[in-house]
Protein backbone atom coordinates (compact mmCIF):
# COMPACT_ATOMS: atom_id res chain seq x y z
CA MET A 1 19.03 -9.25 6.81
CA PHE A 2 16.97 -11.59 4.64
CA THR A 3 17.22 -14.24 1.97
CA ARG A 4 15.21 -15.07 -1.11
CA THR A 5 15.35 -17.84 -3.67
CA LEU A 6 14.23 -18.18 -7.25
CA GLU A 7 11.28 -20.26 -5.98
CA ASP A 8 10.22 -17.30 -3.80
CA VAL A 9 9.50 -15.02 -6.72
CA THR A 10 7.16 -15.25 -9.73
CA PRO A 11 9.04 -14.89 -13.01
CA VAL A 12 8.07 -12.02 -15.31
CA GLU A 13 7.66 -12.91 -18.98
CA TRP A 14 9.26 -10.13 -20.93
CA GLY A 15 8.77 -11.27 -24.49
CA ASN A 16 11.89 -13.25 -25.32
CA GLY A 17 12.58 -14.75 -21.96
CA THR A 18 11.89 -14.45 -18.16
CA SER A 19 13.10 -12.27 -15.38
CA HIS A 20 13.16 -13.38 -11.74
CA ARG A 21 13.21 -10.05 -9.85
CA LEU A 22 15.02 -11.09 -6.70
CA LEU A 23 15.39 -7.59 -5.34
CA THR A 24 12.98 -4.75 -6.17
CA GLU A 25 12.13 -1.20 -5.06
CA THR A 26 10.13 -2.45 -2.09
CA ASP A 27 13.24 -4.09 -0.62
CA LYS A 28 14.71 -0.54 -0.17
CA MET A 29 18.26 -1.53 -1.27
CA GLY A 30 18.60 1.18 -4.02
CA PHE A 31 19.01 -1.32 -6.84
CA THR A 32 17.40 -4.39 -8.41
CA VAL A 33 18.89 -7.83 -8.93
CA CYS A 34 17.31 -10.21 -11.50
CA LYS A 35 18.00 -13.70 -12.83
CA THR A 36 17.34 -13.19 -16.55
CA LEU A 37 16.78 -15.85 -19.19
CA VAL A 38 17.01 -14.92 -22.81
CA ARG A 39 15.60 -17.68 -25.09
CA LYS A 40 17.91 -19.09 -27.73
CA GLY A 41 17.57 -17.66 -31.21
CA THR A 42 15.90 -14.44 -30.11
CA ASN A 43 16.79 -10.80 -30.83
CA SER A 44 15.39 -8.12 -28.59
CA ALA A 45 15.57 -4.33 -29.25
CA LEU A 46 15.74 -2.79 -25.78
CA GLN A 47 16.48 0.55 -24.01
CA TYR A 48 16.24 1.61 -20.45
CA ARG A 49 15.51 5.27 -20.35
CA ASN A 50 14.95 5.45 -16.61
CA HIS A 51 17.52 2.88 -15.28
CA LEU A 52 21.17 2.04 -15.82
CA GLU A 53 21.75 -1.72 -16.17
CA ALA A 54 24.74 -4.13 -15.91
CA CYS A 55 24.40 -7.81 -16.89
CA TYR A 56 26.76 -10.60 -15.94
CA CYS A 57 26.63 -13.70 -18.08
CA VAL A 58 26.60 -16.95 -15.96
CA ALA A 59 25.70 -19.42 -18.81
CA GLY A 60 24.98 -19.56 -22.47
CA SER A 61 26.29 -17.19 -25.14
CA GLY A 62 25.10 -14.41 -27.37
CA ALA A 63 25.84 -10.67 -28.14
CA VAL A 64 24.87 -7.22 -27.39
CA VAL A 65 24.76 -4.89 -30.39
CA HIS A 66 24.84 -1.14 -29.75
CA LYS A 67 22.38 0.93 -31.92
CA ASP A 68 25.48 2.22 -33.85
CA GLY A 69 26.29 -1.45 -34.83
CA THR A 70 29.15 -2.14 -32.46
CA VAL A 71 28.95 -5.90 -31.53
CA PHE A 72 30.01 -7.18 -28.03
CA LYS A 73 30.25 -10.95 -27.70
CA ILE A 74 28.74 -12.33 -24.48
CA ASN A 75 29.89 -15.55 -22.84
CA PRO A 76 30.08 -16.80 -19.26
CA GLY A 77 32.25 -14.43 -17.24
CA THR A 78 31.45 -11.37 -19.41
CA ILE A 79 29.72 -8.35 -17.98
CA TYR A 80 28.12 -5.73 -20.20
CA VAL A 81 27.23 -2.27 -18.88
CA LEU A 82 24.62 0.09 -20.35
CA ASP A 83 25.89 3.20 -18.71
CA ASP A 84 24.29 5.77 -20.94
CA HIS A 85 20.64 4.50 -21.38
CA ASP A 86 22.01 2.79 -24.54
CA PRO A 87 19.51 1.48 -27.10
CA HIS A 88 20.79 -2.01 -27.93
CA TYR A 89 19.93 -5.38 -29.33
CA LEU A 90 20.23 -8.37 -26.94
CA ILE A 91 20.72 -11.54 -29.03
CA ALA A 92 20.88 -15.10 -27.62
CA SER A 93 22.87 -17.63 -29.65
CA GLU A 94 20.94 -20.02 -31.95
CA HIS A 95 21.91 -23.09 -29.96
CA GLU A 96 21.52 -22.22 -26.26
CA ASP A 97 19.66 -19.93 -23.89
CA LEU A 98 21.57 -16.96 -22.44
CA HIS A 99 21.48 -16.67 -18.64
CA LEU A 100 22.27 -13.34 -16.98
CA ILE A 101 22.39 -11.71 -13.56
CA SER A 102 21.03 -8.21 -14.24
CA VAL A 103 21.38 -5.21 -11.90
CA PHE A 104 19.31 -2.10 -12.27
CA ASN A 105 19.69 1.39 -10.69
CA PRO A 106 17.32 2.91 -9.71
CA PRO A 107 15.49 -0.18 -8.67
CA LEU A 108 12.54 -1.68 -10.66
CA THR A 109 9.16 -1.86 -9.10
CA GLY A 110 9.06 -5.43 -10.27
CA ALA A 111 6.06 -5.18 -12.65
CA GLU A 112 7.84 -3.67 -15.66
CA GLN A 113 7.45 -5.65 -18.97
CA HIS A 114 8.89 -5.05 -22.36
CA ARG A 115 6.69 -4.50 -25.41
CA LEU A 116 8.78 -6.00 -28.14
CA SER A 117 7.90 -4.84 -31.72
CA GLU A 118 9.41 -4.34 -35.04
CA ASP A 119 9.08 -0.55 -34.89
CA GLY A 120 11.49 0.41 -32.19
CA PHE A 121 13.31 -0.24 -28.89
CA SER A 122 11.10 -1.47 -26.04
CA GLN A 123 11.68 0.69 -23.04
CA TYR A 124 10.75 1.38 -19.46
């Protein structure tokens, strides 16, 4: 058994926010848990080709837009699940940051970073 706090980990800057990777592959739990901040007013084109991801909103608001255009509103108490390596847009509202608890399977090494660009979905 062990404990870890946000202060124990160095946040990873991923382009439009930060990710505190609280559990990673080295912890041998079989999944990763992150505290994710998405900066207000940002729109990120993302896709996880090697991981499944679920995100639970703990504060703020925004939306997840599937590549096909389907919009899912995100507010505290909402979980969104990317169960098919879905390309998507993660959008934080204009007036507040979006705060998520993100779970990845298989686990992240912890060093992954998005390469956000206009020409496609950032992936790892």
